[in-house]
N, C-alpha and C. Protein backbone atom coordinates (compact mmCIF):
# COMPACT_ATOMS: atom_id res chain seq x y z
N UNK A 1 202.81 87.40 174.79
CA UNK A 1 203.80 88.36 175.25
C UNK A 1 204.48 87.83 176.49
N UNK A 2 205.76 88.11 176.62
CA UNK A 2 206.52 87.67 177.78
C UNK A 2 207.04 88.90 178.53
N UNK A 3 206.69 88.97 179.81
CA UNK A 3 207.04 90.10 180.67
C UNK A 3 208.00 89.63 181.76
N UNK A 4 209.01 90.45 182.04
CA UNK A 4 209.82 90.25 183.23
C UNK A 4 209.38 91.29 184.24
N UNK A 5 208.85 90.82 185.37
CA UNK A 5 208.33 91.72 186.40
C UNK A 5 209.27 91.78 187.59
N UNK A 6 209.64 92.99 187.99
CA UNK A 6 210.49 93.17 189.17
C UNK A 6 209.93 94.28 190.05
N UNK A 7 210.40 94.30 191.28
CA UNK A 7 209.98 95.34 192.23
C UNK A 7 211.06 95.50 193.28
N UNK A 8 211.00 96.61 194.00
CA UNK A 8 211.84 96.81 195.18
C UNK A 8 213.32 96.56 194.87
N UNK A 9 213.81 97.35 193.94
CA UNK A 9 215.21 97.24 193.51
C UNK A 9 216.15 97.73 194.61
N UNK A 10 215.80 98.83 195.24
CA UNK A 10 216.56 99.39 196.36
C UNK A 10 218.06 99.49 196.06
N UNK A 11 218.36 100.09 194.91
CA UNK A 11 219.74 100.41 194.53
C UNK A 11 220.61 99.18 194.21
N UNK A 12 220.04 98.02 194.03
CA UNK A 12 220.86 96.82 193.80
C UNK A 12 221.38 96.78 192.37
N UNK A 13 222.56 97.33 192.17
CA UNK A 13 223.19 97.30 190.85
C UNK A 13 223.59 95.88 190.48
N UNK A 14 224.04 95.11 191.45
CA UNK A 14 224.49 93.74 191.18
C UNK A 14 223.36 92.90 190.59
N UNK A 15 222.22 92.89 191.25
CA UNK A 15 221.11 92.07 190.76
C UNK A 15 220.48 92.65 189.50
N UNK A 16 220.54 93.96 189.35
CA UNK A 16 220.07 94.56 188.10
C UNK A 16 220.94 94.11 186.93
N UNK A 17 222.23 93.97 187.17
CA UNK A 17 223.13 93.47 186.14
C UNK A 17 222.80 92.02 185.80
N UNK A 18 222.55 91.21 186.83
CA UNK A 18 222.21 89.81 186.61
C UNK A 18 220.90 89.66 185.84
N UNK A 19 219.94 90.53 186.16
CA UNK A 19 218.62 90.38 185.55
C UNK A 19 218.66 90.69 184.06
N UNK A 20 219.64 91.47 183.62
CA UNK A 20 219.80 91.73 182.18
C UNK A 20 220.06 90.42 181.43
N UNK A 21 220.85 89.53 182.04
CA UNK A 21 221.10 88.22 181.42
C UNK A 21 219.81 87.40 181.34
N UNK A 22 218.95 87.55 182.34
CA UNK A 22 217.66 86.84 182.32
C UNK A 22 216.75 87.39 181.23
N UNK A 23 216.82 88.70 181.01
CA UNK A 23 216.04 89.32 179.94
C UNK A 23 216.41 88.69 178.60
N UNK A 24 217.69 88.53 178.38
CA UNK A 24 218.18 87.94 177.13
C UNK A 24 217.83 86.46 177.06
N UNK A 25 218.08 85.74 178.15
CA UNK A 25 217.86 84.28 178.18
C UNK A 25 216.41 83.92 177.93
N UNK A 26 215.50 84.67 178.55
CA UNK A 26 214.07 84.36 178.43
C UNK A 26 213.40 85.02 177.23
N UNK A 27 214.18 85.81 176.47
CA UNK A 27 213.65 86.50 175.29
C UNK A 27 212.40 87.32 175.65
N UNK A 28 212.59 88.16 176.64
CA UNK A 28 211.51 88.97 177.19
C UNK A 28 211.14 90.09 176.22
N UNK A 29 209.84 90.40 176.15
CA UNK A 29 209.36 91.52 175.34
C UNK A 29 209.35 92.84 176.10
N UNK A 30 209.06 92.76 177.40
CA UNK A 30 208.82 93.97 178.19
C UNK A 30 209.23 93.74 179.63
N UNK A 31 209.84 94.77 180.23
CA UNK A 31 210.14 94.76 181.67
C UNK A 31 209.20 95.74 182.36
N UNK A 32 208.56 95.28 183.43
CA UNK A 32 207.71 96.14 184.26
C UNK A 32 208.33 96.22 185.65
N UNK A 33 208.54 97.45 186.13
CA UNK A 33 209.19 97.68 187.41
C UNK A 33 208.19 98.34 188.36
N UNK A 34 207.93 97.69 189.49
CA UNK A 34 206.88 98.14 190.40
C UNK A 34 207.41 98.98 191.57
N UNK A 35 208.39 99.83 191.28
CA UNK A 35 208.78 100.84 192.24
C UNK A 35 209.86 100.48 193.24
N UNK A 36 210.20 101.47 194.06
CA UNK A 36 211.31 101.43 195.01
C UNK A 36 212.62 101.11 194.29
N UNK A 37 212.94 101.94 193.32
CA UNK A 37 214.18 101.82 192.55
C UNK A 37 215.32 102.49 193.33
N UNK A 38 215.10 103.73 193.72
CA UNK A 38 215.95 104.54 194.60
C UNK A 38 217.23 105.10 193.99
N UNK A 39 217.87 104.37 193.08
CA UNK A 39 219.13 104.84 192.49
C UNK A 39 219.07 104.76 190.97
N UNK A 40 219.84 105.62 190.33
CA UNK A 40 219.82 105.68 188.86
C UNK A 40 220.56 104.52 188.21
N UNK A 41 221.70 104.09 188.78
CA UNK A 41 222.55 103.11 188.10
C UNK A 41 221.85 101.80 187.77
N UNK A 42 221.10 101.19 188.70
CA UNK A 42 220.42 99.94 188.35
C UNK A 42 219.39 100.13 187.22
N UNK A 43 218.71 101.26 187.26
CA UNK A 43 217.72 101.57 186.23
C UNK A 43 218.40 101.70 184.87
N UNK A 44 219.50 102.41 184.85
CA UNK A 44 220.25 102.61 183.61
C UNK A 44 220.74 101.28 183.05
N UNK A 45 221.17 100.38 183.92
CA UNK A 45 221.65 99.07 183.49
C UNK A 45 220.57 98.31 182.74
N UNK A 46 219.36 98.32 183.27
CA UNK A 46 218.25 97.60 182.63
C UNK A 46 217.86 98.27 181.32
N UNK A 47 217.79 99.58 181.31
CA UNK A 47 217.40 100.30 180.09
C UNK A 47 218.43 100.11 178.98
N UNK A 48 219.71 100.04 179.37
CA UNK A 48 220.77 99.85 178.38
C UNK A 48 220.71 98.49 177.69
N UNK A 49 219.92 97.57 178.24
CA UNK A 49 219.76 96.26 177.59
C UNK A 49 219.00 96.39 176.27
N UNK A 50 218.32 97.53 176.08
CA UNK A 50 217.58 97.75 174.85
C UNK A 50 216.16 97.25 174.88
N UNK A 51 215.74 96.65 176.00
CA UNK A 51 214.39 96.12 176.12
C UNK A 51 213.42 97.25 176.42
N UNK A 52 212.16 97.07 176.06
CA UNK A 52 211.13 98.04 176.42
C UNK A 52 210.86 97.96 177.92
N UNK A 53 210.71 99.12 178.55
CA UNK A 53 210.52 99.19 180.01
C UNK A 53 209.42 100.19 180.33
N UNK A 54 208.53 99.81 181.27
CA UNK A 54 207.64 100.75 181.93
C UNK A 54 207.86 100.59 183.44
N UNK A 55 207.73 101.70 184.16
CA UNK A 55 207.97 101.64 185.61
C UNK A 55 207.11 102.65 186.33
N UNK A 56 206.85 102.35 187.60
CA UNK A 56 206.22 103.31 188.50
C UNK A 56 207.13 103.52 189.70
N UNK A 57 206.93 104.62 190.39
CA UNK A 57 207.70 104.89 191.61
C UNK A 57 207.16 104.07 192.78
N UNK A 58 208.01 103.95 193.79
CA UNK A 58 207.59 103.38 195.07
C UNK A 58 207.62 104.43 196.15
N UNK A 59 207.21 104.07 197.34
CA UNK A 59 207.18 105.03 198.44
C UNK A 59 208.58 105.46 198.87
N UNK A 60 209.60 104.66 198.52
CA UNK A 60 210.98 105.02 198.86
C UNK A 60 211.67 105.84 197.78
N UNK A 61 211.03 106.00 196.65
CA UNK A 61 211.61 106.81 195.57
C UNK A 61 211.32 108.28 195.83
N UNK A 62 212.20 109.13 195.32
CA UNK A 62 212.00 110.57 195.49
C UNK A 62 211.78 111.23 194.14
N UNK A 63 211.63 112.54 194.16
CA UNK A 63 211.33 113.26 192.91
C UNK A 63 212.50 113.20 191.94
N UNK A 64 213.72 113.06 192.45
CA UNK A 64 214.88 112.93 191.57
C UNK A 64 214.76 111.66 190.73
N UNK A 65 214.46 110.54 191.37
CA UNK A 65 214.32 109.28 190.63
C UNK A 65 213.16 109.37 189.65
N UNK A 66 212.08 110.01 190.07
CA UNK A 66 210.94 110.16 189.16
C UNK A 66 211.34 110.97 187.92
N UNK A 67 212.10 112.03 188.11
CA UNK A 67 212.56 112.82 186.96
C UNK A 67 213.45 111.99 186.03
N UNK A 68 214.31 111.17 186.62
CA UNK A 68 215.16 110.29 185.81
C UNK A 68 214.29 109.33 185.00
N UNK A 69 213.28 108.75 185.64
CA UNK A 69 212.37 107.84 184.96
C UNK A 69 211.66 108.54 183.81
N UNK A 70 211.22 109.77 184.06
CA UNK A 70 210.56 110.55 183.00
C UNK A 70 211.52 110.85 181.86
N UNK A 71 212.76 111.20 182.20
CA UNK A 71 213.74 111.49 181.17
C UNK A 71 214.00 110.27 180.27
N UNK A 72 213.97 109.08 180.87
CA UNK A 72 214.15 107.84 180.10
C UNK A 72 212.88 107.46 179.33
N UNK A 73 211.76 108.11 179.66
CA UNK A 73 210.51 107.82 178.98
C UNK A 73 209.82 106.56 179.45
N UNK A 74 210.11 106.12 180.68
CA UNK A 74 209.54 104.87 181.17
C UNK A 74 208.51 105.06 182.27
N UNK A 75 208.43 106.27 182.85
CA UNK A 75 207.52 106.51 183.98
C UNK A 75 206.07 106.51 183.52
N UNK A 76 205.23 105.73 184.19
CA UNK A 76 203.81 105.73 183.85
C UNK A 76 202.94 105.97 185.09
N UNK A 77 203.48 106.67 186.09
CA UNK A 77 202.69 107.03 187.27
C UNK A 77 201.47 107.86 186.83
N UNK A 78 200.28 107.37 187.14
CA UNK A 78 199.06 108.11 186.81
C UNK A 78 198.76 108.16 185.32
N UNK A 79 199.33 107.25 184.55
CA UNK A 79 199.14 107.23 183.10
C UNK A 79 198.83 105.82 182.61
N UNK A 80 198.33 105.74 181.38
CA UNK A 80 198.20 104.45 180.73
C UNK A 80 198.99 104.48 179.43
N UNK A 81 199.47 103.30 179.05
CA UNK A 81 200.20 103.13 177.81
C UNK A 81 199.64 101.92 177.07
N UNK A 82 199.52 102.04 175.78
CA UNK A 82 199.13 100.91 174.95
C UNK A 82 200.40 100.22 174.48
N UNK A 83 200.41 98.89 174.60
CA UNK A 83 201.60 98.13 174.21
C UNK A 83 201.18 96.78 173.65
N UNK A 84 201.37 96.61 172.36
CA UNK A 84 201.10 95.34 171.68
C UNK A 84 199.70 94.80 171.98
N UNK A 85 198.74 95.68 171.97
CA UNK A 85 197.36 95.27 172.19
C UNK A 85 196.94 95.22 173.63
N UNK A 86 197.84 95.57 174.55
CA UNK A 86 197.54 95.61 175.98
C UNK A 86 197.46 97.06 176.45
N UNK A 87 196.63 97.30 177.46
CA UNK A 87 196.56 98.61 178.10
C UNK A 87 197.22 98.48 179.47
N UNK A 88 198.30 99.25 179.69
CA UNK A 88 199.05 99.18 180.94
C UNK A 88 198.83 100.47 181.71
N UNK A 89 198.29 100.34 182.93
CA UNK A 89 197.99 101.49 183.78
C UNK A 89 198.95 101.51 184.96
N UNK A 90 199.55 102.68 185.22
CA UNK A 90 200.54 102.80 186.28
C UNK A 90 200.05 103.58 187.48
N UNK A 91 200.24 102.99 188.67
CA UNK A 91 199.87 103.66 189.93
C UNK A 91 201.10 103.65 190.83
N UNK A 92 201.82 104.76 190.85
CA UNK A 92 203.06 104.85 191.61
C UNK A 92 202.85 105.08 193.09
N UNK A 93 203.92 104.89 193.85
CA UNK A 93 203.85 105.05 195.30
C UNK A 93 204.30 106.41 195.79
N UNK A 94 204.93 107.20 194.91
CA UNK A 94 205.43 108.51 195.33
C UNK A 94 204.28 109.47 195.62
N UNK A 95 203.27 109.46 194.77
CA UNK A 95 202.07 110.29 194.98
C UNK A 95 200.85 109.41 194.73
N UNK A 96 200.62 108.47 195.63
CA UNK A 96 199.62 107.43 195.37
C UNK A 96 198.23 107.99 195.11
N UNK A 97 197.76 108.88 195.98
CA UNK A 97 196.38 109.37 195.84
C UNK A 97 196.17 110.05 194.50
N UNK A 98 197.12 110.89 194.13
CA UNK A 98 197.02 111.59 192.84
C UNK A 98 197.05 110.59 191.68
N UNK A 99 197.99 109.66 191.73
CA UNK A 99 198.09 108.63 190.69
C UNK A 99 196.80 107.82 190.57
N UNK A 100 196.28 107.41 191.73
CA UNK A 100 195.08 106.58 191.75
C UNK A 100 193.90 107.32 191.14
N UNK A 101 193.71 108.56 191.54
CA UNK A 101 192.59 109.34 191.01
C UNK A 101 192.72 109.55 189.51
N UNK A 102 193.93 109.81 189.03
CA UNK A 102 194.14 109.98 187.59
C UNK A 102 193.79 108.71 186.83
N UNK A 103 194.24 107.58 187.35
CA UNK A 103 193.98 106.30 186.67
C UNK A 103 192.49 105.99 186.65
N UNK A 104 191.80 106.22 187.75
CA UNK A 104 190.36 105.97 187.78
C UNK A 104 189.66 106.84 186.75
N UNK A 105 190.03 108.11 186.67
CA UNK A 105 189.41 109.01 185.69
C UNK A 105 189.67 108.54 184.26
N UNK A 106 190.90 108.12 183.99
CA UNK A 106 191.24 107.65 182.64
C UNK A 106 190.49 106.37 182.30
N UNK A 107 190.48 105.43 183.23
CA UNK A 107 189.82 104.14 182.97
C UNK A 107 188.32 104.32 182.76
N UNK A 108 187.72 105.26 183.50
CA UNK A 108 186.29 105.51 183.34
C UNK A 108 185.95 106.04 181.95
N UNK A 109 186.92 106.63 181.29
CA UNK A 109 186.70 107.21 179.96
C UNK A 109 187.27 106.34 178.84
N UNK A 110 187.77 105.16 179.20
CA UNK A 110 188.44 104.30 178.22
C UNK A 110 187.63 103.04 177.97
N UNK A 111 187.45 102.71 176.71
CA UNK A 111 186.76 101.46 176.36
C UNK A 111 187.79 100.43 175.93
N UNK A 112 187.36 99.18 175.78
CA UNK A 112 188.25 98.12 175.33
C UNK A 112 189.33 97.77 176.33
N UNK A 113 188.92 97.50 177.57
CA UNK A 113 189.88 97.19 178.63
C UNK A 113 189.99 95.69 178.91
N UNK A 114 189.70 94.88 177.91
CA UNK A 114 189.75 93.44 178.09
C UNK A 114 191.16 92.94 178.38
N UNK A 115 192.16 93.69 177.94
CA UNK A 115 193.56 93.26 178.14
C UNK A 115 194.29 94.31 178.98
N UNK A 116 193.70 94.60 180.13
CA UNK A 116 194.23 95.61 181.04
C UNK A 116 195.25 94.99 181.99
N UNK A 117 196.39 95.68 182.13
CA UNK A 117 197.43 95.32 183.09
C UNK A 117 197.63 96.51 184.03
N UNK A 118 197.62 96.24 185.34
CA UNK A 118 197.89 97.28 186.33
C UNK A 118 199.30 97.09 186.87
N UNK A 119 200.09 98.15 186.83
CA UNK A 119 201.42 98.15 187.45
C UNK A 119 201.37 99.12 188.61
N UNK A 120 201.47 98.59 189.82
CA UNK A 120 201.30 99.39 191.04
C UNK A 120 202.43 99.07 192.01
N UNK A 121 202.83 100.05 192.81
CA UNK A 121 203.78 99.71 193.86
C UNK A 121 203.08 98.96 194.99
N UNK A 122 201.90 99.41 195.36
CA UNK A 122 201.19 98.80 196.48
C UNK A 122 200.30 97.66 196.02
N UNK A 123 200.05 96.66 196.89
CA UNK A 123 199.15 95.56 196.55
C UNK A 123 197.70 95.89 196.90
N UNK A 124 196.76 95.19 196.28
CA UNK A 124 195.37 95.29 196.72
C UNK A 124 195.21 94.55 198.06
N UNK A 125 194.34 95.05 198.88
CA UNK A 125 194.16 94.47 200.21
C UNK A 125 193.75 93.00 200.13
N UNK A 126 194.48 92.17 200.89
CA UNK A 126 194.15 90.76 200.97
C UNK A 126 194.88 89.86 200.01
N UNK A 127 195.78 90.44 199.20
CA UNK A 127 196.48 89.64 198.19
C UNK A 127 197.97 89.96 198.21
N UNK A 128 198.78 88.96 198.51
CA UNK A 128 200.24 89.12 198.58
C UNK A 128 200.62 90.32 199.46
N UNK A 129 199.94 90.48 200.57
CA UNK A 129 200.15 91.70 201.36
C UNK A 129 200.32 91.43 202.85
N UNK A 130 200.59 90.17 203.25
CA UNK A 130 200.72 89.86 204.66
C UNK A 130 202.13 90.15 205.15
N UNK A 131 202.25 91.00 206.14
CA UNK A 131 203.55 91.37 206.70
C UNK A 131 204.00 90.31 207.71
N UNK A 132 205.25 90.46 208.16
CA UNK A 132 205.76 89.54 209.19
C UNK A 132 204.91 89.57 210.44
N UNK A 133 204.25 90.71 210.69
CA UNK A 133 203.40 90.84 211.88
C UNK A 133 202.01 90.24 211.67
N UNK A 134 201.75 89.71 210.46
CA UNK A 134 200.46 89.11 210.18
C UNK A 134 199.39 90.09 209.75
N UNK A 135 199.79 91.31 209.45
CA UNK A 135 198.85 92.36 209.04
C UNK A 135 198.71 92.37 207.52
N UNK A 136 197.46 92.50 207.04
CA UNK A 136 197.23 92.69 205.61
C UNK A 136 197.41 94.18 205.30
N UNK A 137 198.55 94.50 204.66
CA UNK A 137 198.93 95.90 204.46
C UNK A 137 198.57 96.44 203.08
N UNK A 138 197.83 95.67 202.30
CA UNK A 138 197.39 96.16 200.99
C UNK A 138 196.31 97.23 201.13
N UNK A 139 195.97 97.84 200.00
CA UNK A 139 195.04 98.97 200.00
C UNK A 139 193.67 98.58 199.46
N UNK A 140 192.63 98.98 200.20
CA UNK A 140 191.27 98.67 199.80
C UNK A 140 190.93 99.33 198.46
N UNK A 141 191.45 100.54 198.23
CA UNK A 141 191.15 101.22 196.96
C UNK A 141 191.59 100.37 195.77
N UNK A 142 192.72 99.70 195.92
CA UNK A 142 193.23 98.87 194.83
C UNK A 142 192.41 97.59 194.67
N UNK A 143 191.94 97.05 195.78
CA UNK A 143 191.05 95.89 195.67
C UNK A 143 189.75 96.28 194.97
N UNK A 144 189.22 97.44 195.31
CA UNK A 144 188.01 97.93 194.65
C UNK A 144 188.24 98.13 193.15
N UNK A 145 189.43 98.63 192.81
CA UNK A 145 189.77 98.83 191.40
C UNK A 145 189.78 97.50 190.66
N UNK A 146 190.37 96.48 191.29
CA UNK A 146 190.40 95.15 190.67
C UNK A 146 188.99 94.62 190.47
N UNK A 147 188.14 94.81 191.47
CA UNK A 147 186.75 94.34 191.37
C UNK A 147 186.01 95.03 190.23
N UNK A 148 186.24 96.32 190.06
CA UNK A 148 185.49 97.09 189.07
C UNK A 148 185.98 96.88 187.65
N UNK A 149 187.31 96.85 187.47
CA UNK A 149 187.85 96.84 186.10
C UNK A 149 188.36 95.48 185.65
N UNK A 150 188.48 94.55 186.59
CA UNK A 150 188.83 93.16 186.26
C UNK A 150 190.06 93.06 185.34
N UNK A 151 191.19 93.66 185.73
CA UNK A 151 192.39 93.53 184.89
C UNK A 151 192.83 92.08 184.79
N UNK A 152 193.47 91.75 183.68
CA UNK A 152 193.95 90.38 183.54
C UNK A 152 195.18 90.12 184.41
N UNK A 153 195.94 91.21 184.70
CA UNK A 153 197.18 91.07 185.45
C UNK A 153 197.38 92.31 186.33
N UNK A 154 197.83 92.08 187.55
CA UNK A 154 198.14 93.16 188.50
C UNK A 154 199.52 92.84 189.07
N UNK A 155 200.51 93.67 188.77
CA UNK A 155 201.87 93.47 189.27
C UNK A 155 202.18 94.54 190.32
N UNK A 156 202.73 94.11 191.44
CA UNK A 156 203.03 95.06 192.52
C UNK A 156 204.28 94.61 193.27
N UNK A 157 204.66 95.39 194.27
CA UNK A 157 205.77 95.06 195.15
C UNK A 157 205.42 95.47 196.56
N UNK A 158 206.32 96.19 197.22
CA UNK A 158 206.15 96.85 198.52
C UNK A 158 206.27 95.90 199.71
N UNK A 159 205.51 94.81 199.75
CA UNK A 159 205.59 93.89 200.89
C UNK A 159 206.62 92.82 200.55
N UNK A 160 207.85 93.03 200.99
CA UNK A 160 208.96 92.15 200.59
C UNK A 160 208.71 90.70 200.96
N UNK A 161 208.12 90.48 202.12
CA UNK A 161 207.96 89.12 202.64
C UNK A 161 206.76 88.38 202.06
N UNK A 162 205.99 89.06 201.21
CA UNK A 162 204.74 88.45 200.69
C UNK A 162 204.87 88.09 199.21
N UNK A 163 206.05 87.69 198.80
CA UNK A 163 206.26 87.25 197.42
C UNK A 163 205.29 86.12 197.09
N UNK A 164 204.66 86.22 195.91
CA UNK A 164 203.74 85.15 195.54
C UNK A 164 202.80 85.54 194.42
N UNK A 165 201.92 84.61 194.11
CA UNK A 165 200.93 84.78 193.06
C UNK A 165 199.55 84.46 193.63
N UNK A 166 198.59 85.35 193.41
CA UNK A 166 197.22 85.13 193.85
C UNK A 166 196.28 85.34 192.67
N UNK A 167 195.04 84.94 192.87
CA UNK A 167 194.03 85.21 191.85
C UNK A 167 192.77 85.73 192.52
N UNK A 168 192.21 86.79 191.95
CA UNK A 168 190.97 87.38 192.46
C UNK A 168 190.03 87.52 191.28
N UNK A 169 188.96 86.77 191.29
CA UNK A 169 188.08 86.65 190.12
C UNK A 169 188.94 86.25 188.93
N UNK A 170 189.03 87.08 187.91
CA UNK A 170 189.84 86.72 186.74
C UNK A 170 191.20 87.40 186.72
N UNK A 171 191.56 88.08 187.80
CA UNK A 171 192.81 88.84 187.84
C UNK A 171 193.93 88.04 188.51
N UNK A 172 195.04 87.90 187.81
CA UNK A 172 196.24 87.29 188.38
C UNK A 172 197.06 88.40 189.03
N UNK A 173 197.37 88.23 190.31
CA UNK A 173 198.06 89.26 191.09
C UNK A 173 199.45 88.73 191.47
N UNK A 174 200.48 89.48 191.09
CA UNK A 174 201.86 88.99 191.22
C UNK A 174 202.70 89.96 192.05
N UNK A 175 203.32 89.42 193.09
CA UNK A 175 204.38 90.12 193.81
C UNK A 175 205.67 89.36 193.52
N UNK A 176 206.54 89.89 192.65
CA UNK A 176 207.74 89.15 192.26
C UNK A 176 208.73 88.95 193.39
N UNK A 177 208.57 89.71 194.47
CA UNK A 177 209.56 89.73 195.53
C UNK A 177 210.61 90.78 195.24
N UNK A 178 211.39 91.17 196.24
CA UNK A 178 212.35 92.26 196.06
C UNK A 178 213.56 91.85 195.21
N UNK A 179 213.83 92.63 194.18
CA UNK A 179 215.02 92.36 193.37
C UNK A 179 216.28 92.51 194.22
N UNK A 180 216.24 93.32 195.26
CA UNK A 180 217.41 93.49 196.11
C UNK A 180 217.86 92.18 196.75
N UNK A 181 216.97 91.18 196.76
CA UNK A 181 217.32 89.83 197.25
C UNK A 181 217.38 88.82 196.10
N UNK A 182 217.34 89.33 194.86
CA UNK A 182 217.50 88.45 193.71
C UNK A 182 216.23 87.86 193.15
N UNK A 183 215.08 88.35 193.57
CA UNK A 183 213.80 87.79 193.11
C UNK A 183 213.27 88.53 191.88
N UNK A 184 212.65 87.77 190.99
CA UNK A 184 211.98 88.36 189.84
C UNK A 184 210.94 87.38 189.32
N UNK A 185 210.15 87.81 188.36
CA UNK A 185 209.11 86.94 187.80
C UNK A 185 209.15 87.00 186.28
N UNK A 186 208.76 85.90 185.67
CA UNK A 186 208.50 85.84 184.24
C UNK A 186 207.02 85.56 184.07
N UNK A 187 206.36 86.40 183.28
CA UNK A 187 204.91 86.29 183.08
C UNK A 187 204.65 86.11 181.59
N UNK A 188 204.00 85.04 181.24
CA UNK A 188 203.69 84.76 179.84
C UNK A 188 202.18 84.90 179.62
N UNK A 189 201.81 85.72 178.65
CA UNK A 189 200.40 85.94 178.33
C UNK A 189 200.15 85.45 176.90
N UNK A 190 199.25 84.49 176.77
CA UNK A 190 198.93 83.93 175.46
C UNK A 190 197.43 83.66 175.40
N UNK A 191 196.77 84.26 174.42
CA UNK A 191 195.32 84.06 174.23
C UNK A 191 194.56 84.33 175.54
N UNK A 192 194.95 85.39 176.22
CA UNK A 192 194.32 85.83 177.48
C UNK A 192 194.56 84.89 178.65
N UNK A 193 195.46 83.93 178.50
CA UNK A 193 195.89 83.10 179.62
C UNK A 193 197.17 83.67 180.19
N UNK A 194 197.22 83.78 181.53
CA UNK A 194 198.37 84.36 182.20
C UNK A 194 199.06 83.27 183.03
N UNK A 195 200.33 83.03 182.71
CA UNK A 195 201.13 82.05 183.46
C UNK A 195 202.32 82.76 184.09
N UNK A 196 202.51 82.52 185.39
CA UNK A 196 203.55 83.24 186.15
C UNK A 196 204.56 82.25 186.68
N UNK A 197 205.84 82.61 186.54
CA UNK A 197 206.93 81.81 187.04
C UNK A 197 207.81 82.69 187.91
N UNK A 198 207.93 82.33 189.19
CA UNK A 198 208.74 83.09 190.13
C UNK A 198 210.16 82.51 190.14
N UNK A 199 211.15 83.41 190.07
CA UNK A 199 212.55 82.97 189.99
C UNK A 199 213.39 83.70 191.02
N UNK A 200 214.57 83.12 191.27
CA UNK A 200 215.57 83.80 192.09
C UNK A 200 216.92 83.71 191.40
N UNK A 201 217.63 84.81 191.37
CA UNK A 201 218.95 84.84 190.73
C UNK A 201 219.99 84.14 191.59
């Protein structure tokens, strides 16, 4: 499966338009958006490409954007979705504690999580989370989640300056960087191997 991962759109219609061409060029199966969308137009542009999309809110998104996401059928805050043999769990930034608790409850009752993907706005503590001030701004709860459930892939955003790819045990952790600056990622999963390619428009 080939995923295009983006985060921190922040109303960038221009780069959202450009990324549609990348969706076509790379023959992407799925787009995952890790929050901070803020405006409807960029979201609509990506959805109009006809590609499958799942998204979570960010801390800068409001209830209006969340309703729009729900209306499009792409919001997975506090939910899991099965997609082509993968289990995708969403932890949004708009209501993080509620989302996190819902996901933990669902995962505790779900078997067959060998192909689990976490889509979160926030990073796990210690991974792609270093701010300009040198502070690790990720969340311990998310690191604990990674330790317990061992997802194959964890996609997040939030820390604009910490774009990169990390690995924790068997989990590949990806911060695509902010789309508002033209950053995105292509993630290829084949036979449980995860390969990440960071790009800039």
